[in-house]
Amino acid sequence: MLHPATVHFAIVLPLVASVFGVIYLFTKTESMAKISTRATVIAALAMIGVWYTGYQAGPLIYSYLSEAGKHELLEHKALGLYLAIAMGVIALLRVFGCKTKKFGIEALAIILLVAATATTFLQGKHGGEIVYEHGQPFEMQQLKEYLTNSDELEMADDVEGAVNMVKKKITAISETTSAKIQNLKTVEKDGDED
């Protein structure tokens, strides 16, 4: 899954573009207008790319989440789409304002960019909650449930026997999780070929 590796770009790049944009609002120099516009376009492209990787990753993890996590994932997906669209529109406004040298349009785009950047931080918070609170990462949640609810562990003769049972369970969970993810990828790939 590329989403966890790429998501940090969608958080940092809008922030960088916002900083350059605010600097431009105070300096009003042509060079800063160009720098901040380019930074905004790059941030928009990153946001669109990250939305796409999230769109691909969502189905792979959906079944591993709690009910609350599933609900939050759907909200995360929707907000990601809205942010990708908003950043695209903001980038177009910045390019148009920079090319036509209309400061009012550029200022509006920068204000919208700052708002989108703040929303991006909220989106990042929700993404972290999906992984660490609702998924906890997924294999660890399954192991925790096993340790909490296992009758066979209570019947183990000694500590070594219990440790061996836990090791076997860890291996089984790891293999099952990998197999489920691979199976989902295969099903998705087969669906794309049809």
N, C-alpha and C. Protein backbone atom coordinates (compact mmCIF):
# COMPACT_ATOMS: atom_id res chain seq x y z
N MET A 1 0.84 -1.18 0.00
CA MET A 1 0.00 0.00 0.00
C MET A 1 0.89 1.25 0.00
N LEU A 2 0.65 2.11 -0.95
CA LEU A 2 1.42 3.35 -1.07
C LEU A 2 0.90 4.47 -0.19
N HIS A 3 -0.34 4.37 0.23
CA HIS A 3 -0.95 5.49 0.95
C HIS A 3 -0.17 5.91 2.20
N PRO A 4 0.21 4.99 3.08
CA PRO A 4 0.95 5.43 4.27
C PRO A 4 2.27 6.12 3.94
N ALA A 5 2.91 5.70 2.84
CA ALA A 5 4.19 6.29 2.48
C ALA A 5 4.03 7.66 1.83
N THR A 6 2.92 7.90 1.15
CA THR A 6 2.75 9.15 0.41
C THR A 6 1.96 10.22 1.17
N VAL A 7 1.25 9.80 2.20
CA VAL A 7 0.34 10.72 2.88
C VAL A 7 1.06 11.91 3.51
N HIS A 8 2.30 11.74 3.89
CA HIS A 8 3.02 12.84 4.54
C HIS A 8 3.28 13.99 3.57
N PHE A 9 3.39 13.68 2.28
CA PHE A 9 3.56 14.74 1.28
C PHE A 9 2.31 15.62 1.22
N ALA A 10 1.15 15.00 1.36
CA ALA A 10 -0.10 15.76 1.29
C ALA A 10 -0.32 16.61 2.53
N ILE A 11 0.42 16.35 3.57
CA ILE A 11 0.32 17.17 4.78
C ILE A 11 1.34 18.30 4.72
N VAL A 12 2.56 17.99 4.32
CA VAL A 12 3.63 18.98 4.35
C VAL A 12 3.56 19.96 3.18
N LEU A 13 3.29 19.47 1.98
CA LEU A 13 3.32 20.36 0.81
C LEU A 13 2.29 21.49 0.86
N PRO A 14 1.04 21.25 1.28
CA PRO A 14 0.12 22.40 1.41
C PRO A 14 0.60 23.41 2.46
N LEU A 15 1.25 22.90 3.51
CA LEU A 15 1.79 23.81 4.52
C LEU A 15 2.88 24.69 3.91
N VAL A 16 3.78 24.08 3.15
CA VAL A 16 4.85 24.83 2.49
C VAL A 16 4.24 25.85 1.52
N ALA A 17 3.26 25.41 0.74
CA ALA A 17 2.62 26.33 -0.20
C ALA A 17 1.93 27.47 0.53
N SER A 18 1.31 27.17 1.67
CA SER A 18 0.65 28.22 2.47
C SER A 18 1.66 29.24 2.99
N VAL A 19 2.80 28.76 3.46
CA VAL A 19 3.83 29.67 3.97
C VAL A 19 4.31 30.59 2.85
N PHE A 20 4.61 30.00 1.69
CA PHE A 20 5.03 30.84 0.55
C PHE A 20 3.91 31.80 0.14
N GLY A 21 2.67 31.35 0.19
CA GLY A 21 1.55 32.21 -0.15
C GLY A 21 1.42 33.39 0.78
N VAL A 22 1.54 33.14 2.08
CA VAL A 22 1.45 34.23 3.06
C VAL A 22 2.61 35.20 2.89
N ILE A 23 3.79 34.67 2.62
CA ILE A 23 4.94 35.55 2.35
C ILE A 23 4.64 36.43 1.14
N TYR A 24 4.05 35.83 0.10
CA TYR A 24 3.69 36.61 -1.08
C TYR A 24 2.69 37.72 -0.75
N LEU A 25 1.73 37.43 0.12
CA LEU A 25 0.74 38.46 0.48
C LEU A 25 1.41 39.70 1.07
N PHE A 26 2.52 39.48 1.78
CA PHE A 26 3.21 40.61 2.40
C PHE A 26 4.23 41.26 1.47
N THR A 27 4.90 40.46 0.64
CA THR A 27 5.95 41.03 -0.22
C THR A 27 5.41 41.50 -1.57
N LYS A 28 4.42 40.82 -2.10
CA LYS A 28 3.81 41.13 -3.40
C LYS A 28 4.84 41.22 -4.54
N THR A 29 5.87 40.41 -4.46
CA THR A 29 6.87 40.38 -5.53
C THR A 29 6.50 39.32 -6.55
N GLU A 30 6.90 39.56 -7.79
CA GLU A 30 6.57 38.62 -8.86
C GLU A 30 7.24 37.27 -8.65
N SER A 31 8.47 37.29 -8.18
CA SER A 31 9.18 36.03 -7.96
C SER A 31 8.50 35.19 -6.87
N MET A 32 8.04 35.83 -5.82
CA MET A 32 7.35 35.08 -4.76
C MET A 32 5.99 34.61 -5.24
N ALA A 33 5.35 35.36 -6.13
CA ALA A 33 4.08 34.92 -6.70
C ALA A 33 4.28 33.62 -7.48
N LYS A 34 5.35 33.56 -8.25
CA LYS A 34 5.64 32.37 -9.04
C LYS A 34 6.01 31.18 -8.15
N ILE A 35 6.82 31.43 -7.15
CA ILE A 35 7.23 30.35 -6.24
C ILE A 35 6.02 29.80 -5.50
N SER A 36 5.19 30.68 -4.96
CA SER A 36 4.04 30.21 -4.20
C SER A 36 3.01 29.52 -5.10
N THR A 37 2.88 29.99 -6.33
CA THR A 37 1.96 29.34 -7.27
C THR A 37 2.44 27.94 -7.60
N ARG A 38 3.72 27.81 -7.90
CA ARG A 38 4.27 26.48 -8.21
C ARG A 38 4.16 25.54 -7.02
N ALA A 39 4.41 26.06 -5.84
CA ALA A 39 4.28 25.23 -4.64
C ALA A 39 2.84 24.76 -4.45
N THR A 40 1.88 25.63 -4.77
CA THR A 40 0.47 25.26 -4.66
C THR A 40 0.10 24.18 -5.67
N VAL A 41 0.61 24.30 -6.90
CA VAL A 41 0.33 23.29 -7.93
C VAL A 41 0.92 21.94 -7.51
N ILE A 42 2.14 21.95 -7.00
CA ILE A 42 2.77 20.71 -6.54
C ILE A 42 1.97 20.10 -5.38
N ALA A 43 1.53 20.96 -4.46
CA ALA A 43 0.72 20.47 -3.33
C ALA A 43 -0.59 19.87 -3.82
N ALA A 44 -1.21 20.48 -4.82
CA ALA A 44 -2.46 19.97 -5.36
C ALA A 44 -2.24 18.61 -6.02
N LEU A 45 -1.16 18.48 -6.78
CA LEU A 45 -0.86 17.20 -7.42
C LEU A 45 -0.60 16.12 -6.37
N ALA A 46 0.11 16.48 -5.31
CA ALA A 46 0.37 15.53 -4.23
C ALA A 46 -0.94 15.11 -3.56
N MET A 47 -1.82 16.07 -3.33
CA MET A 47 -3.10 15.77 -2.69
C MET A 47 -3.93 14.82 -3.55
N ILE A 48 -3.96 15.07 -4.84
CA ILE A 48 -4.71 14.20 -5.75
C ILE A 48 -4.09 12.80 -5.75
N GLY A 49 -2.78 12.72 -5.80
CA GLY A 49 -2.10 11.43 -5.77
C GLY A 49 -2.36 10.67 -4.48
N VAL A 50 -2.35 11.37 -3.37
CA VAL A 50 -2.58 10.72 -2.08
C VAL A 50 -4.04 10.27 -1.97
N TRP A 51 -4.95 11.08 -2.49
CA TRP A 51 -6.35 10.62 -2.50
C TRP A 51 -6.45 9.32 -3.29
N TYR A 52 -5.79 9.24 -4.43
CA TYR A 52 -5.86 8.04 -5.26
C TYR A 52 -5.28 6.82 -4.52
N THR A 53 -4.14 6.99 -3.87
CA THR A 53 -3.56 5.86 -3.14
C THR A 53 -4.45 5.44 -1.98
N GLY A 54 -5.12 6.40 -1.35
CA GLY A 54 -6.06 6.07 -0.29
C GLY A 54 -7.28 5.35 -0.82
N TYR A 55 -7.73 5.76 -1.98
CA TYR A 55 -8.88 5.11 -2.64
C TYR A 55 -8.54 3.65 -2.93
N GLN A 56 -7.30 3.38 -3.28
CA GLN A 56 -6.86 2.01 -3.55
C GLN A 56 -6.67 1.22 -2.26
N ALA A 57 -6.19 1.87 -1.20
CA ALA A 57 -5.87 1.17 0.05
C ALA A 57 -7.10 0.90 0.91
N GLY A 58 -8.10 1.75 0.84
CA GLY A 58 -9.27 1.61 1.70
C GLY A 58 -9.90 0.23 1.70
N PRO A 59 -10.21 -0.35 0.53
CA PRO A 59 -10.84 -1.67 0.52
C PRO A 59 -9.95 -2.77 1.12
N LEU A 60 -8.64 -2.56 1.07
CA LEU A 60 -7.73 -3.58 1.60
C LEU A 60 -7.77 -3.67 3.12
N ILE A 61 -8.08 -2.56 3.77
CA ILE A 61 -8.08 -2.58 5.24
C ILE A 61 -9.47 -2.55 5.86
N TYR A 62 -10.48 -2.30 5.05
CA TYR A 62 -11.84 -2.11 5.56
C TYR A 62 -12.29 -3.25 6.48
N SER A 63 -12.08 -4.48 6.06
CA SER A 63 -12.58 -5.61 6.84
C SER A 63 -11.83 -5.82 8.15
N TYR A 64 -10.68 -5.18 8.32
CA TYR A 64 -9.90 -5.33 9.55
C TYR A 64 -10.27 -4.29 10.61
N LEU A 65 -11.12 -3.34 10.26
CA LEU A 65 -11.45 -2.26 11.18
C LEU A 65 -12.67 -2.59 12.01
N SER A 66 -12.74 -1.94 13.16
CA SER A 66 -13.95 -2.03 13.98
C SER A 66 -15.08 -1.30 13.25
N GLU A 67 -16.31 -1.42 13.74
CA GLU A 67 -17.44 -0.72 13.10
C GLU A 67 -17.23 0.78 13.11
N ALA A 68 -16.75 1.31 14.24
CA ALA A 68 -16.48 2.75 14.30
C ALA A 68 -15.37 3.12 13.32
N GLY A 69 -14.39 2.24 13.18
CA GLY A 69 -13.30 2.48 12.24
C GLY A 69 -13.78 2.47 10.80
N LYS A 70 -14.70 1.57 10.49
CA LYS A 70 -15.26 1.52 9.14
C LYS A 70 -16.00 2.81 8.81
N HIS A 71 -16.76 3.30 9.77
CA HIS A 71 -17.49 4.56 9.59
C HIS A 71 -16.50 5.71 9.39
N GLU A 72 -15.46 5.74 10.22
CA GLU A 72 -14.49 6.82 10.10
C GLU A 72 -13.71 6.73 8.79
N LEU A 73 -13.44 5.50 8.32
CA LEU A 73 -12.75 5.34 7.05
C LEU A 73 -13.58 5.92 5.90
N LEU A 74 -14.88 5.70 5.92
CA LEU A 74 -15.74 6.25 4.87
C LEU A 74 -15.75 7.78 4.91
N GLU A 75 -15.77 8.35 6.11
CA GLU A 75 -15.69 9.81 6.24
C GLU A 75 -14.34 10.32 5.75
N HIS A 76 -13.28 9.59 6.09
CA HIS A 76 -11.92 9.94 5.68
C HIS A 76 -11.82 9.94 4.15
N LYS A 77 -12.42 8.94 3.54
CA LYS A 77 -12.41 8.83 2.08
C LYS A 77 -13.12 10.03 1.45
N ALA A 78 -14.29 10.39 1.97
CA ALA A 78 -15.06 11.50 1.42
C ALA A 78 -14.30 12.82 1.58
N LEU A 79 -13.76 13.06 2.77
CA LEU A 79 -13.02 14.30 3.00
C LEU A 79 -11.77 14.35 2.13
N GLY A 80 -11.13 13.21 1.91
CA GLY A 80 -9.97 13.17 1.03
C GLY A 80 -10.32 13.59 -0.38
N LEU A 81 -11.46 13.12 -0.87
CA LEU A 81 -11.91 13.52 -2.21
C LEU A 81 -12.18 15.02 -2.25
N TYR A 82 -12.86 15.54 -1.24
CA TYR A 82 -13.16 16.98 -1.20
C TYR A 82 -11.88 17.81 -1.16
N LEU A 83 -10.89 17.34 -0.39
CA LEU A 83 -9.62 18.07 -0.31
C LEU A 83 -8.88 18.03 -1.64
N ALA A 84 -8.91 16.88 -2.32
CA ALA A 84 -8.24 16.78 -3.62
C ALA A 84 -8.89 17.73 -4.62
N ILE A 85 -10.21 17.78 -4.64
CA ILE A 85 -10.91 18.70 -5.55
C ILE A 85 -10.62 20.15 -5.17
N ALA A 86 -10.70 20.45 -3.88
CA ALA A 86 -10.45 21.83 -3.42
C ALA A 86 -9.04 22.28 -3.77
N MET A 87 -8.06 21.41 -3.54
CA MET A 87 -6.68 21.79 -3.86
C MET A 87 -6.49 22.00 -5.35
N GLY A 88 -7.18 21.21 -6.17
CA GLY A 88 -7.12 21.41 -7.62
C GLY A 88 -7.69 22.76 -8.03
N VAL A 89 -8.83 23.11 -7.44
CA VAL A 89 -9.46 24.40 -7.74
C VAL A 89 -8.57 25.55 -7.24
N ILE A 90 -8.02 25.39 -6.05
CA ILE A 90 -7.14 26.43 -5.50
C ILE A 90 -5.92 26.62 -6.39
N ALA A 91 -5.34 25.52 -6.87
CA ALA A 91 -4.18 25.62 -7.75
C ALA A 91 -4.55 26.34 -9.05
N LEU A 92 -5.72 26.04 -9.60
CA LEU A 92 -6.15 26.72 -10.82
C LEU A 92 -6.34 28.22 -10.57
N LEU A 93 -6.92 28.56 -9.42
CA LEU A 93 -7.07 29.98 -9.06
C LEU A 93 -5.71 30.67 -8.94
N ARG A 94 -4.76 29.98 -8.31
CA ARG A 94 -3.42 30.56 -8.14
C ARG A 94 -2.76 30.79 -9.50
N VAL A 95 -2.85 29.80 -10.38
CA VAL A 95 -2.25 29.94 -11.71
C VAL A 95 -2.91 31.09 -12.48
N PHE A 96 -4.25 31.13 -12.45
CA PHE A 96 -4.97 32.19 -13.14
C PHE A 96 -4.60 33.56 -12.57
N GLY A 97 -4.59 33.67 -11.25
CA GLY A 97 -4.26 34.94 -10.61
C GLY A 97 -2.84 35.38 -10.90
N CYS A 98 -1.92 34.42 -10.90
CA CYS A 98 -0.51 34.74 -11.17
C CYS A 98 -0.32 35.17 -12.62
N LYS A 99 -0.94 34.47 -13.55
CA LYS A 99 -0.80 34.79 -14.98
C LYS A 99 -1.43 36.14 -15.33
N THR A 100 -2.59 36.42 -14.73
CA THR A 100 -3.28 37.68 -15.05
C THR A 100 -2.87 38.82 -14.13
N LYS A 101 -2.04 38.51 -13.13
CA LYS A 101 -1.55 39.49 -12.15
C LYS A 101 -2.69 40.18 -11.41
N LYS A 102 -3.69 39.38 -11.03
CA LYS A 102 -4.84 39.89 -10.27
C LYS A 102 -4.63 39.49 -8.81
N PHE A 103 -4.21 40.46 -8.03
CA PHE A 103 -3.86 40.20 -6.64
C PHE A 103 -5.06 39.69 -5.84
N GLY A 104 -6.25 40.20 -6.11
CA GLY A 104 -7.45 39.78 -5.38
C GLY A 104 -7.71 38.28 -5.52
N ILE A 105 -7.56 37.76 -6.74
CA ILE A 105 -7.77 36.33 -6.97
C ILE A 105 -6.68 35.53 -6.26
N GLU A 106 -5.45 36.02 -6.33
CA GLU A 106 -4.36 35.33 -5.65
C GLU A 106 -4.58 35.31 -4.14
N ALA A 107 -5.00 36.44 -3.60
CA ALA A 107 -5.25 36.52 -2.15
C ALA A 107 -6.36 35.56 -1.73
N LEU A 108 -7.44 35.52 -2.52
CA LEU A 108 -8.53 34.58 -2.24
C LEU A 108 -8.02 33.14 -2.25
N ALA A 109 -7.23 32.81 -3.26
CA ALA A 109 -6.69 31.45 -3.38
C ALA A 109 -5.80 31.11 -2.17
N ILE A 110 -5.02 32.07 -1.71
CA ILE A 110 -4.14 31.82 -0.57
C ILE A 110 -4.96 31.62 0.71
N ILE A 111 -6.00 32.40 0.88
CA ILE A 111 -6.87 32.22 2.05
C ILE A 111 -7.52 30.83 2.01
N LEU A 112 -8.01 30.43 0.83
CA LEU A 112 -8.58 29.09 0.68
C LEU A 112 -7.53 28.01 0.92
N LEU A 113 -6.31 28.27 0.47
CA LEU A 113 -5.22 27.31 0.67
C LEU A 113 -4.92 27.12 2.16
N VAL A 114 -4.90 28.20 2.90
CA VAL A 114 -4.66 28.09 4.35
C VAL A 114 -5.78 27.29 5.01
N ALA A 115 -7.01 27.52 4.60
CA ALA A 115 -8.14 26.75 5.14
C ALA A 115 -8.02 25.27 4.77
N ALA A 116 -7.66 24.99 3.51
CA ALA A 116 -7.50 23.60 3.08
C ALA A 116 -6.34 22.93 3.83
N THR A 117 -5.30 23.69 4.10
CA THR A 117 -4.16 23.15 4.86
C THR A 117 -4.59 22.76 6.27
N ALA A 118 -5.36 23.61 6.91
CA ALA A 118 -5.87 23.28 8.26
C ALA A 118 -6.75 22.04 8.21
N THR A 119 -7.58 21.94 7.19
CA THR A 119 -8.43 20.75 7.04
C THR A 119 -7.59 19.51 6.78
N THR A 120 -6.48 19.67 6.09
CA THR A 120 -5.57 18.56 5.83
C THR A 120 -5.00 18.02 7.14
N PHE A 121 -4.68 18.90 8.08
CA PHE A 121 -4.19 18.43 9.38
C PHE A 121 -5.27 17.63 10.11
N LEU A 122 -6.51 18.09 10.02
CA LEU A 122 -7.63 17.34 10.60
C LEU A 122 -7.75 15.97 9.94
N GLN A 123 -7.62 15.96 8.61
CA GLN A 123 -7.68 14.71 7.86
C GLN A 123 -6.56 13.75 8.30
N GLY A 124 -5.38 14.28 8.52
CA GLY A 124 -4.26 13.45 8.99
C GLY A 124 -4.53 12.88 10.37
N LYS A 125 -5.14 13.67 11.23
CA LYS A 125 -5.51 13.19 12.57
C LYS A 125 -6.48 12.02 12.46
N HIS A 126 -7.46 12.15 11.58
CA HIS A 126 -8.45 11.08 11.41
C HIS A 126 -7.81 9.83 10.83
N GLY A 127 -6.88 10.01 9.90
CA GLY A 127 -6.16 8.86 9.33
C GLY A 127 -5.38 8.12 10.40
N GLY A 128 -4.74 8.87 11.28
CA GLY A 128 -4.00 8.24 12.39
C GLY A 128 -4.93 7.49 13.32
N GLU A 129 -6.10 8.05 13.57
CA GLU A 129 -7.08 7.36 14.43
C GLU A 129 -7.54 6.06 13.79
N ILE A 130 -7.73 6.07 12.49
CA ILE A 130 -8.16 4.85 11.79
C ILE A 130 -7.14 3.74 12.02
N VAL A 131 -5.88 4.07 11.89
CA VAL A 131 -4.84 3.05 12.03
C VAL A 131 -4.61 2.67 13.49
N TYR A 132 -4.40 3.66 14.36
CA TYR A 132 -3.92 3.37 15.70
C TYR A 132 -5.01 3.16 16.73
N GLU A 133 -6.22 3.63 16.47
CA GLU A 133 -7.29 3.41 17.44
C GLU A 133 -8.26 2.34 16.96
N HIS A 134 -8.63 2.40 15.69
CA HIS A 134 -9.64 1.46 15.20
C HIS A 134 -9.02 0.19 14.63
N GLY A 135 -7.85 0.30 14.03
CA GLY A 135 -7.18 -0.87 13.48
C GLY A 135 -6.19 -1.45 14.47
N GLN A 136 -5.58 -0.63 15.23
CA GLN A 136 -4.62 -0.87 16.30
C GLN A 136 -3.56 -1.87 15.94
N PRO A 137 -2.65 -1.52 15.18
CA PRO A 137 -2.58 -2.12 13.86
C PRO A 137 -3.26 -3.46 13.86
N PHE A 138 -3.71 -3.84 12.72
CA PHE A 138 -4.68 -4.90 12.54
C PHE A 138 -4.27 -6.22 13.17
N GLU A 139 -3.05 -6.64 12.97
CA GLU A 139 -2.59 -7.91 13.53
C GLU A 139 -2.54 -7.84 15.06
N MET A 140 -2.13 -6.70 15.59
CA MET A 140 -2.05 -6.57 17.05
C MET A 140 -3.45 -6.64 17.68
N GLN A 141 -4.44 -6.09 17.03
CA GLN A 141 -5.79 -6.16 17.54
C GLN A 141 -6.27 -7.62 17.60
N GLN A 142 -5.96 -8.38 16.57
CA GLN A 142 -6.34 -9.79 16.56
C GLN A 142 -5.63 -10.56 17.67
N LEU A 143 -4.35 -10.26 17.88
CA LEU A 143 -3.59 -10.93 18.94
C LEU A 143 -4.14 -10.55 20.31
N LYS A 144 -4.48 -9.29 20.49
CA LYS A 144 -5.04 -8.83 21.77
C LYS A 144 -6.34 -9.56 22.07
N GLU A 145 -7.19 -9.70 21.05
CA GLU A 145 -8.45 -10.42 21.25
C GLU A 145 -8.20 -11.88 21.61
N TYR A 146 -7.20 -12.49 20.97
CA TYR A 146 -6.86 -13.88 21.27
C TYR A 146 -6.39 -14.02 22.72
N LEU A 147 -5.50 -13.12 23.13
CA LEU A 147 -4.96 -13.21 24.50
C LEU A 147 -6.05 -12.96 25.54
N THR A 148 -6.99 -12.10 25.24
CA THR A 148 -8.04 -11.77 26.18
C THR A 148 -9.11 -12.86 26.27
N ASN A 149 -9.40 -13.50 25.15
CA ASN A 149 -10.55 -14.41 25.10
C ASN A 149 -10.18 -15.88 24.87
N SER A 150 -8.93 -16.25 25.02
CA SER A 150 -8.52 -17.61 24.70
C SER A 150 -8.69 -18.56 25.88
N ASP A 151 -9.54 -19.55 25.69
CA ASP A 151 -9.71 -20.59 26.72
C ASP A 151 -8.53 -21.55 26.69
N GLU A 152 -7.97 -21.79 25.50
CA GLU A 152 -6.87 -22.76 25.42
C GLU A 152 -5.62 -22.26 26.14
N LEU A 153 -5.43 -20.95 26.19
CA LEU A 153 -4.27 -20.42 26.93
C LEU A 153 -4.41 -20.71 28.42
N GLU A 154 -5.62 -20.60 28.93
CA GLU A 154 -5.85 -20.87 30.35
C GLU A 154 -5.60 -22.33 30.70
N MET A 155 -5.75 -23.21 29.70
CA MET A 155 -5.56 -24.63 29.95
C MET A 155 -4.13 -25.09 29.71
N ALA A 156 -3.24 -24.18 29.35
CA ALA A 156 -1.84 -24.55 29.12
C ALA A 156 -1.23 -25.08 30.42
N ASP A 157 -0.39 -26.11 30.28
CA ASP A 157 0.22 -26.76 31.45
C ASP A 157 1.25 -25.88 32.13
N ASP A 158 2.00 -25.14 31.34
CA ASP A 158 3.05 -24.30 31.92
C ASP A 158 3.26 -23.05 31.07
N VAL A 159 4.15 -22.21 31.49
CA VAL A 159 4.41 -20.96 30.79
C VAL A 159 4.95 -21.24 29.39
N GLU A 160 5.84 -22.21 29.29
CA GLU A 160 6.43 -22.53 27.98
C GLU A 160 5.34 -22.98 26.99
N GLY A 161 4.39 -23.75 27.46
CA GLY A 161 3.29 -24.18 26.60
C GLY A 161 2.45 -23.00 26.15
N ALA A 162 2.19 -22.06 27.06
CA ALA A 162 1.42 -20.85 26.71
C ALA A 162 2.18 -20.00 25.71
N VAL A 163 3.50 -19.87 25.93
CA VAL A 163 4.32 -19.08 25.01
C VAL A 163 4.30 -19.70 23.61
N ASN A 164 4.39 -21.02 23.53
CA ASN A 164 4.34 -21.70 22.24
C ASN A 164 2.99 -21.49 21.55
N MET A 165 1.91 -21.51 22.33
CA MET A 165 0.58 -21.26 21.75
C MET A 165 0.49 -19.84 21.17
N VAL A 166 1.04 -18.88 21.91
CA VAL A 166 1.02 -17.49 21.45
C VAL A 166 1.86 -17.34 20.19
N LYS A 167 3.03 -17.98 20.15
CA LYS A 167 3.88 -17.93 18.95
C LYS A 167 3.14 -18.50 17.74
N LYS A 168 2.45 -19.63 17.94
CA LYS A 168 1.69 -20.24 16.84
C LYS A 168 0.58 -19.29 16.37
N LYS A 169 -0.07 -18.64 17.34
CA LYS A 169 -1.16 -17.72 16.99
C LYS A 169 -0.62 -16.52 16.22
N ILE A 170 0.53 -16.00 16.64
CA ILE A 170 1.14 -14.86 15.94
C ILE A 170 1.43 -15.25 14.49
N THR A 171 2.00 -16.43 14.29
CA THR A 171 2.29 -16.90 12.94
C THR A 171 1.02 -17.04 12.13
N ALA A 172 -0.01 -17.63 12.73
CA ALA A 172 -1.29 -17.81 12.03
C ALA A 172 -1.92 -16.48 11.66
N ILE A 173 -1.91 -15.53 12.60
CA ILE A 173 -2.49 -14.20 12.33
C ILE A 173 -1.72 -13.52 11.21
N SER A 174 -0.41 -13.59 11.25
CA SER A 174 0.42 -12.96 10.23
C SER A 174 0.14 -13.56 8.86
N GLU A 175 0.09 -14.89 8.79
CA GLU A 175 -0.18 -15.55 7.51
C GLU A 175 -1.59 -15.26 7.02
N THR A 176 -2.56 -15.25 7.93
CA THR A 176 -3.95 -14.98 7.56
C THR A 176 -4.11 -13.55 7.06
N THR A 177 -3.51 -12.60 7.76
CA THR A 177 -3.61 -11.19 7.36
C THR A 177 -2.97 -10.99 5.99
N SER A 178 -1.80 -11.54 5.80
CA SER A 178 -1.13 -11.41 4.50
C SER A 178 -1.96 -12.06 3.40
N ALA A 179 -2.52 -13.23 3.69
CA ALA A 179 -3.34 -13.94 2.69
C ALA A 179 -4.59 -13.14 2.35
N LYS A 180 -5.24 -12.55 3.37
CA LYS A 180 -6.45 -11.76 3.11
C LYS A 180 -6.14 -10.55 2.25
N ILE A 181 -5.04 -9.87 2.56
CA ILE A 181 -4.67 -8.69 1.77
C ILE A 181 -4.34 -9.11 0.34
N GLN A 182 -3.58 -10.20 0.19
CA GLN A 182 -3.24 -10.67 -1.14
C GLN A 182 -4.49 -11.10 -1.91
N ASN A 183 -5.42 -11.77 -1.21
CA ASN A 183 -6.66 -12.19 -1.84
C ASN A 183 -7.47 -10.99 -2.32
N LEU A 184 -7.54 -9.95 -1.49
CA LEU A 184 -8.26 -8.74 -1.90
C LEU A 184 -7.62 -8.09 -3.12
N LYS A 185 -6.28 -8.09 -3.15
CA LYS A 185 -5.58 -7.52 -4.30
C LYS A 185 -5.89 -8.34 -5.55
N THR A 186 -5.88 -9.66 -5.42
CA THR A 186 -6.17 -10.53 -6.56
C THR A 186 -7.58 -10.33 -7.07
N VAL A 187 -8.54 -10.29 -6.14
CA VAL A 187 -9.93 -10.07 -6.53
C VAL A 187 -10.09 -8.73 -7.20
N GLU A 188 -9.46 -7.72 -6.66
CA GLU A 188 -9.53 -6.37 -7.24
C GLU A 188 -8.90 -6.36 -8.63
N LYS A 189 -7.76 -7.03 -8.77
CA LYS A 189 -7.07 -7.09 -10.06
C LYS A 189 -7.91 -7.82 -11.09
N ASP A 190 -8.51 -8.96 -10.68
CA ASP A 190 -9.39 -9.71 -11.57
C ASP A 190 -10.59 -8.89 -12.00
N GLY A 191 -11.13 -8.10 -11.07
CA GLY A 191 -12.27 -7.23 -11.38
C GLY A 191 -11.91 -6.16 -12.37
N ASP A 192 -10.67 -5.65 -12.29
CA ASP A 192 -10.22 -4.61 -13.23
C ASP A 192 -10.06 -5.16 -14.64
N GLU A 193 -9.71 -6.45 -14.75
CA GLU A 193 -9.48 -7.07 -16.05
C GLU A 193 -10.79 -7.34 -16.79
N ASP A 194 -11.89 -7.48 -16.05
CA ASP A 194 -13.19 -7.79 -16.68
C ASP A 194 -13.72 -6.64 -17.45
